[in-house]
Protein backbone atom coordinates (compact mmCIF):
# COMPACT_ATOMS: atom_id res chain seq x y z
CA UNK A 1 -6.76 86.84 64.32
CA UNK A 2 -4.39 84.73 62.18
CA UNK A 3 -5.60 81.31 61.15
CA UNK A 4 -4.10 78.29 62.86
CA UNK A 5 -1.37 76.63 60.79
CA UNK A 6 -2.33 73.45 59.01
CA UNK A 7 -0.59 70.31 60.21
CA UNK A 8 -0.09 69.28 56.61
CA UNK A 9 1.30 72.61 55.40
CA UNK A 10 4.89 73.55 54.62
CA UNK A 11 4.86 75.35 57.96
CA UNK A 12 5.30 72.01 59.69
CA UNK A 13 8.63 72.00 61.61
CA UNK A 14 11.36 69.56 60.61
CA UNK A 15 12.47 68.94 64.20
CA UNK A 16 10.60 68.19 67.39
CA UNK A 17 10.26 70.65 70.25
CA UNK A 18 8.44 73.43 68.37
CA UNK A 19 5.85 74.33 71.01
CA UNK A 20 5.06 77.68 69.37
CA UNK A 21 3.89 75.89 66.22
CA UNK A 22 1.87 73.39 68.27
CA UNK A 23 0.30 76.13 70.41
CA UNK A 24 -0.88 78.04 67.34
CA UNK A 25 -2.62 74.95 66.08
CA UNK A 26 -4.09 74.04 69.49
CA UNK A 27 -5.07 77.67 70.15
CA UNK A 28 -3.33 77.82 73.52
CA UNK A 29 -0.17 79.27 75.05
CA UNK A 30 3.12 77.45 74.32
CA UNK A 31 3.62 76.66 78.00
CA UNK A 32 0.30 74.77 77.98
CA UNK A 33 1.69 72.22 75.52
CA UNK A 34 2.91 68.95 77.03
CA UNK A 35 5.77 68.19 74.66
CA UNK A 36 6.62 64.57 73.85
CA UNK A 37 8.13 65.51 70.48
CA UNK A 38 11.61 66.50 71.75
CA UNK A 39 13.74 63.84 73.43
CA UNK A 40 14.93 65.99 76.32
CA UNK A 41 15.56 64.82 79.90
CA UNK A 42 12.52 65.96 81.95
CA UNK A 43 14.58 66.00 85.18
CA UNK A 44 16.69 68.96 84.08
CA UNK A 45 18.26 71.36 83.78
CA UNK A 46 20.33 70.46 86.86
CA UNK A 47 20.26 72.97 89.69
CA UNK A 48 24.05 73.11 89.57
CA UNK A 49 23.83 74.44 86.02
CA UNK A 50 21.15 77.01 86.83
CA UNK A 51 23.26 78.27 89.73
CA UNK A 52 26.42 78.66 87.68
CA UNK A 53 24.50 80.46 84.93
CA UNK A 54 23.20 83.00 87.44
CA UNK A 55 26.65 83.45 88.95
CA UNK A 56 28.28 84.10 85.57
CA UNK A 57 25.92 86.67 84.06
CA UNK A 58 28.61 89.28 84.60
CA UNK A 59 30.86 87.41 82.15
CA UNK A 60 28.60 88.38 79.24
CA UNK A 61 30.67 91.54 78.87
CA UNK A 62 33.67 89.44 77.76
CA UNK A 63 34.31 87.42 74.63
CA UNK A 64 34.59 83.64 75.09
CA UNK A 65 38.02 82.05 74.95
CA UNK A 66 38.31 81.04 71.26
CA UNK A 67 40.37 78.00 72.28
CA UNK A 68 37.87 76.94 74.98
CA UNK A 69 40.65 75.70 77.23
CA UNK A 70 38.51 75.25 80.37
CA UNK A 71 35.68 73.56 78.51
CA UNK A 72 37.95 71.23 76.58
CA UNK A 73 39.77 70.42 79.82
CA UNK A 74 36.47 69.48 81.49
CA UNK A 75 35.49 67.23 78.57
CA UNK A 76 39.01 65.78 78.54
CA UNK A 77 38.74 64.86 82.23
CA UNK A 78 35.22 63.47 81.78
CA UNK A 79 36.27 61.06 79.01
CA UNK A 80 39.95 60.69 79.94
CA UNK A 81 41.03 61.78 76.45
CA UNK A 82 43.58 64.35 75.23
CA UNK A 83 42.37 67.93 74.90
CA UNK A 84 43.60 68.31 71.34
CA UNK A 85 41.21 65.52 70.29
CA UNK A 86 38.19 67.60 71.47
CA UNK A 87 36.31 70.38 69.66
CA UNK A 88 33.24 72.03 71.27
CA UNK A 89 30.51 73.33 68.98
CA UNK A 90 27.26 75.23 68.85
CA UNK A 91 25.29 72.04 69.31
CA UNK A 92 25.94 68.85 67.38
CA UNK A 93 24.16 70.52 64.45
CA UNK A 94 27.03 72.95 63.89
CA UNK A 95 29.57 70.15 64.03
CA UNK A 96 27.51 68.13 61.55
CA UNK A 97 28.03 70.94 59.05
CA UNK A 98 31.80 70.38 59.16
CA UNK A 99 31.26 66.62 59.08
CA UNK A 100 29.34 67.14 55.85
CA UNK A 101 32.13 69.21 54.35
CA UNK A 102 34.67 66.57 55.34
CA UNK A 103 32.66 63.68 53.95
CA UNK A 104 32.03 65.55 50.70
CA UNK A 105 35.70 65.14 49.85
CA UNK A 106 35.26 61.35 49.61
CA UNK A 107 33.79 59.43 46.68
CA UNK A 108 30.56 58.68 48.56
CA UNK A 109 29.04 58.58 52.04
CA UNK A 110 26.88 55.72 53.28
CA UNK A 111 24.01 57.03 55.42
CA UNK A 112 21.96 54.70 57.62
CA UNK A 113 18.27 55.56 57.15
CA UNK A 114 15.84 56.61 58.50
CA UNK A 115 18.16 59.38 59.62
CA UNK A 116 18.11 62.58 61.65
CA UNK A 117 17.20 65.36 59.19
CA UNK A 118 20.32 67.40 59.91
CA UNK A 119 22.49 64.63 58.47
CA UNK A 120 20.94 65.13 55.06
CA UNK A 121 21.12 68.92 55.44
CA UNK A 122 24.85 68.86 56.17
CA UNK A 123 25.58 66.40 53.38
CA UNK A 124 23.48 68.28 50.82
CA UNK A 125 25.17 71.57 51.72
CA UNK A 126 28.41 70.33 50.17
CA UNK A 127 26.92 68.15 47.41
CA UNK A 128 28.02 64.93 49.05
CA UNK A 129 27.36 61.76 47.10
CA UNK A 130 25.00 59.97 49.51
CA UNK A 131 24.26 56.24 49.39
CA UNK A 132 21.28 55.41 51.67
CA UNK A 133 21.52 52.24 53.75
CA UNK A 134 17.95 51.43 54.88
CA UNK A 135 17.28 49.66 58.15
CA UNK A 136 14.98 46.66 58.07
CA UNK A 137 12.24 47.89 60.39
CA UNK A 138 10.50 44.51 60.43
CA UNK A 139 13.36 42.81 62.29
CA UNK A 140 13.68 43.04 66.06
CA UNK A 141 15.75 45.03 66.64
CA UNK A 142 15.87 46.84 63.27
CA UNK A 143 19.13 46.25 61.41
CA UNK A 144 21.06 47.78 58.52
CA UNK A 145 23.36 45.81 56.23
CA UNK A 146 26.34 48.01 55.35
CA UNK A 147 28.83 47.17 52.60
CA UNK A 148 31.83 49.41 52.03
CA UNK A 149 33.85 50.48 49.03
CA UNK A 150 37.15 52.31 48.70
CA UNK A 151 37.49 55.99 49.67
CA UNK A 152 34.00 56.22 51.19
CA UNK A 153 32.57 57.47 54.47
CA UNK A 154 29.91 56.20 56.86
CA UNK A 155 27.55 58.34 58.95
CA UNK A 156 25.27 56.84 61.58
CA UNK A 157 24.11 57.34 65.14
CA UNK A 158 24.17 55.01 68.12
CA UNK A 159 21.68 54.61 69.71
CA UNK A 160 19.87 55.13 66.44
CA UNK A 161 17.38 57.96 66.10
CA UNK A 162 14.46 57.45 65.55
CA UNK A 163 14.29 53.68 66.22
CA UNK A 164 16.31 53.64 69.46
CA UNK A 165 18.30 50.63 68.23
CA UNK A 166 21.68 50.12 69.91
CA UNK A 167 24.46 48.76 67.69
CA UNK A 168 27.16 46.63 69.30
CA UNK A 169 30.52 48.31 69.66
CA UNK A 170 32.32 45.33 68.10
CA UNK A 171 30.16 45.58 64.97
CA UNK A 172 31.00 49.26 64.60
CA UNK A 173 34.72 48.60 64.95
CA UNK A 174 34.52 46.37 61.86
CA UNK A 175 33.41 49.38 59.82
CA UNK A 176 36.50 51.30 60.91
CA UNK A 177 38.58 48.80 58.99
CA UNK A 178 36.55 49.28 55.79
CA UNK A 179 35.73 52.99 55.51
CA UNK A 180 38.03 55.98 55.02
CA UNK A 181 36.04 57.97 57.59
CA UNK A 182 33.40 56.81 60.09
CA UNK A 183 31.29 59.39 61.93
CA UNK A 184 29.22 58.09 64.85
CA UNK A 185 26.73 60.42 66.51
CA UNK A 186 26.43 59.31 70.15
CA UNK A 187 24.00 62.06 71.19
CA UNK A 188 21.91 59.65 73.28
CA UNK A 189 24.65 57.35 74.61
CA UNK A 190 24.69 59.06 78.01
CA UNK A 191 21.18 57.76 78.70
CA UNK A 192 22.45 54.18 78.92
CA UNK A 193 23.88 52.62 82.06
CA UNK A 194 27.70 52.48 81.88
CA UNK A 195 27.74 48.70 81.51
CA UNK A 196 25.25 48.90 78.63
CA UNK A 197 26.96 51.61 76.61
CA UNK A 198 28.48 50.74 73.25
CA UNK A 199 30.55 53.89 72.79
CA UNK A 200 33.62 53.97 70.55
CA UNK A 201 35.39 56.60 72.63
CA UNK A 202 37.64 54.03 74.29
CA UNK A 203 39.15 53.09 70.89
CA UNK A 204 39.18 56.50 69.24
CA UNK A 205 42.91 57.09 69.79
CA UNK A 206 43.60 53.92 67.80
CA UNK A 207 41.53 54.95 64.77
CA UNK A 208 42.40 58.27 63.09
CA UNK A 209 39.48 57.69 60.69
CA UNK A 210 36.88 57.85 63.50
CA UNK A 211 34.93 60.90 64.67
CA UNK A 212 32.44 60.72 67.54
CA UNK A 213 29.84 63.44 68.14
CA UNK A 214 28.32 64.06 71.54
CA UNK A 215 25.53 66.36 72.77
CA UNK A 216 25.13 67.93 76.20
CA UNK A 217 21.72 69.41 75.48
CA UNK A 218 19.56 66.27 75.64
CA UNK A 219 20.86 64.56 78.76
CA UNK A 220 21.16 67.81 80.74
CA UNK A 221 18.03 69.41 79.24
CA UNK A 222 19.83 72.42 77.75
CA UNK A 223 18.66 72.62 74.11
CA UNK A 224 18.33 76.39 74.33
CA UNK A 225 22.05 76.79 75.04
CA UNK A 226 23.20 74.76 72.00
CA UNK A 227 26.25 72.77 73.01
CA UNK A 228 27.89 69.64 71.65
CA UNK A 229 31.39 68.45 70.92
CA UNK A 230 33.34 66.34 68.48
CA UNK A 231 36.10 63.92 69.42
CA UNK A 232 38.50 62.90 66.69
CA UNK A 233 41.99 63.17 65.30
CA UNK A 234 43.41 66.72 65.73
CA UNK A 235 44.03 67.03 61.98
CA UNK A 236 40.26 67.04 61.37
CA UNK A 237 39.47 69.35 64.27
CA UNK A 238 42.12 71.93 63.38
CA UNK A 239 40.74 72.08 59.85
CA UNK A 240 37.19 72.57 61.11
CA UNK A 241 38.37 75.33 63.43
CA UNK A 242 39.68 77.19 60.39
CA UNK A 243 36.39 76.75 58.53
CA UNK A 244 34.05 78.09 61.20
CA UNK A 245 33.31 81.27 63.16
CA UNK A 246 35.80 82.12 65.93
CA UNK A 247 33.33 81.94 68.88
CA UNK A 248 30.71 79.24 68.17
CA UNK A 249 30.11 78.48 71.89
CA UNK A 250 28.89 81.36 74.05
CA UNK A 251 30.20 82.08 77.54
CA UNK A 252 27.14 80.85 79.42
CA UNK A 253 26.99 77.61 77.46
CA UNK A 254 30.64 77.00 78.32
CA UNK A 255 30.23 77.39 82.09
CA UNK A 256 26.97 75.40 82.00
CA UNK A 257 28.70 72.50 80.28
CA UNK A 258 31.55 72.46 82.78
CA UNK A 259 29.10 72.37 85.69
CA UNK A 260 26.93 69.70 84.05
CA UNK A 261 29.82 67.32 83.47
CA UNK A 262 30.72 67.53 87.16
CA UNK A 263 27.17 66.86 88.39
CA UNK A 264 27.42 63.14 89.17
CA UNK A 265 24.30 63.28 91.33
CA UNK A 266 22.16 64.40 88.39
CA UNK A 267 23.73 61.76 86.17
CA UNK A 268 22.84 59.00 88.65
CA UNK A 269 19.34 60.39 89.16
CA UNK A 270 18.72 60.24 85.41
CA UNK A 271 20.04 56.70 85.06
CA UNK A 272 17.81 55.63 87.94
CA UNK A 273 14.71 57.28 86.46
CA UNK A 274 14.87 56.19 82.84
CA UNK A 275 14.82 52.35 82.64
CA UNK A 276 11.74 51.67 84.81
CA UNK A 277 9.88 54.69 83.43
CA UNK A 278 10.59 53.67 79.84
CA UNK A 279 9.49 50.09 80.54
CA UNK A 280 6.21 51.34 82.03
CA UNK A 281 5.56 53.54 78.99
CA UNK A 282 6.27 50.66 76.61
CA UNK A 283 3.85 48.43 78.54
CA UNK A 284 1.17 51.13 78.44
CA UNK A 285 1.55 51.68 74.70
CA UNK A 286 1.39 47.94 74.02
CA UNK A 287 -2.08 47.82 75.59
CA UNK A 288 -3.51 50.42 73.22
CA UNK A 289 -5.23 49.25 70.00
CA UNK A 290 -3.30 49.75 66.77
CA UNK A 291 -0.01 50.79 68.43
CA UNK A 292 3.24 48.79 68.41
CA UNK A 293 6.14 50.43 70.27
CA UNK A 294 9.69 49.42 69.36
CA UNK A 295 11.91 48.53 72.30
CA UNK A 296 14.50 51.33 72.24
CA UNK A 297 17.66 51.89 74.28
CA UNK A 298 17.40 55.67 74.61
CA UNK A 299 14.98 58.17 76.19
CA UNK A 300 12.44 57.99 73.35
CA UNK A 301 10.25 55.38 71.68
CA UNK A 302 9.30 54.85 68.05
CA UNK A 303 5.72 53.62 67.75
CA UNK A 304 4.13 51.96 64.73
CA UNK A 305 0.52 53.05 64.32
CA UNK A 306 -2.48 51.82 62.33
CA UNK A 307 -3.96 55.33 62.54
CA UNK A 308 -2.06 57.96 60.48
CA UNK A 309 0.39 59.71 62.81
CA UNK A 310 -0.65 63.19 61.67
CA UNK A 311 -4.26 62.39 62.60
CA UNK A 312 -3.15 61.30 66.06
CA UNK A 313 -1.01 64.41 66.38
CA UNK A 314 -3.93 66.63 65.38
CA UNK A 315 -6.37 64.95 67.80
CA UNK A 316 -3.93 65.04 70.71
CA UNK A 317 -3.15 68.71 70.17
CA UNK A 318 -6.76 69.84 69.81
CA UNK A 319 -8.22 67.74 72.61
CA UNK A 320 -5.38 67.41 75.11
CA UNK A 321 -2.65 69.96 74.23
CA UNK A 322 -0.18 67.07 73.88
CA UNK A 323 2.47 67.16 71.11
CA UNK A 324 3.93 63.94 69.70
CA UNK A 325 6.57 63.77 66.97
CA UNK A 326 5.20 62.72 63.62
CA UNK A 327 7.73 61.01 61.36
CA UNK A 328 7.10 62.80 58.07
CA UNK A 329 10.66 64.14 58.13
CA UNK A 330 11.78 60.50 57.95
CA UNK A 331 10.60 59.49 54.45
CA UNK A 332 11.00 55.79 55.25
CA UNK A 333 8.51 56.10 58.14
CA UNK A 334 5.91 58.66 57.06
CA UNK A 335 2.40 58.33 58.49
CA UNK A 336 3.00 54.82 59.81
CA UNK A 337 5.04 55.84 62.85
CA UNK A 338 5.32 58.48 65.56
CA UNK A 339 7.96 59.10 68.21
CA UNK A 340 7.52 60.06 71.85
CA UNK A 341 9.99 61.08 74.50
CA UNK A 342 10.01 59.32 77.85
CA UNK A 343 8.87 61.93 80.36
CA UNK A 344 7.92 61.82 84.04
CA UNK A 345 5.55 58.97 85.05
CA UNK A 346 2.61 61.33 85.63
CA UNK A 347 3.10 62.92 82.22
CA UNK A 348 3.48 59.54 80.52
CA UNK A 349 0.18 58.49 82.07
CA UNK A 350 -1.43 61.64 80.67
CA UNK A 351 -0.22 60.63 77.22
CA UNK A 352 -1.53 57.08 77.58
CA UNK A 353 -4.94 58.32 78.78
CA UNK A 354 -5.16 60.80 75.92
CA UNK A 355 -4.15 58.19 73.32
CA UNK A 356 -6.74 55.77 74.69
CA UNK A 357 -9.43 58.41 74.19
CA UNK A 358 -8.48 59.46 70.65
CA UNK A 359 -8.06 55.83 69.56
CA UNK A 360 -11.58 54.86 70.61
CA UNK A 361 -13.59 53.65 67.59
């Protein structure tokens, strides 16, 4: 029998959601792992999406429409934006690759850190000159001070991952007047109530130097289908279309996305579930010794810990089959922080009970 992988080895996954890796370490089946490491909506996938997937299995015999007219039309209607400003992709990760190639043509790109690992991957792939802009994690909420120079780009996400910090829309608009290209990843914006959102989509037609990325996989719990989209000036999107493969989005992902965007009932259910559930999880974490949760705006929480996060991860996996996200892939955070998704109340209580046990002196 193969030895269990070491939590400190190079085998450690860069992203959350790797239940196979966790199960090998915990010596259990992957489905036995309660996964708090991936920030995925626990209410999904929506039944409407599962139904349309079943009903469209016959379409696997056909190639997808390379222009994705129906999908782009659905996104266009959802955001009330022109179709030619929309480009679907194989998850936001694929679109980040073309963002990296675009930004590499500028003198430098300012990157707010800590940052999602795929940002650095996409920028490194094209030898982009990266200037890190660290957030001050000791302020509440954490803040980054960004100064611009000519012919430079800016890449950030809002709400910020992994801190959950929400940046005011008006503050972001100021950057559009200073940078040649601003890319804002709004992968978690859907989790905010409409009146709380700070999206830049309502001004995107006024700023040809703005690109917004969106994900459908987190809110609708569809990470296995890989689907995201970029919204920006058609000149950028046409260029990216020439750079990439002709069919990046598969047929089932396309019909699933169209159904998801129309499912207003699921959207309201999610927005009703998250705020009180997140508040209860924050309150529970605050009661545990050595843990300080940051107050985030999304469906995950960053937690400062006095106990090394990899030790907590190891203890939770071995004793409770619970997986939390260590922050070693965020060099600025390291062993001092871990991240947890907000799950169903019963599951959150399981996490709190397990943490209370492993934190006992």
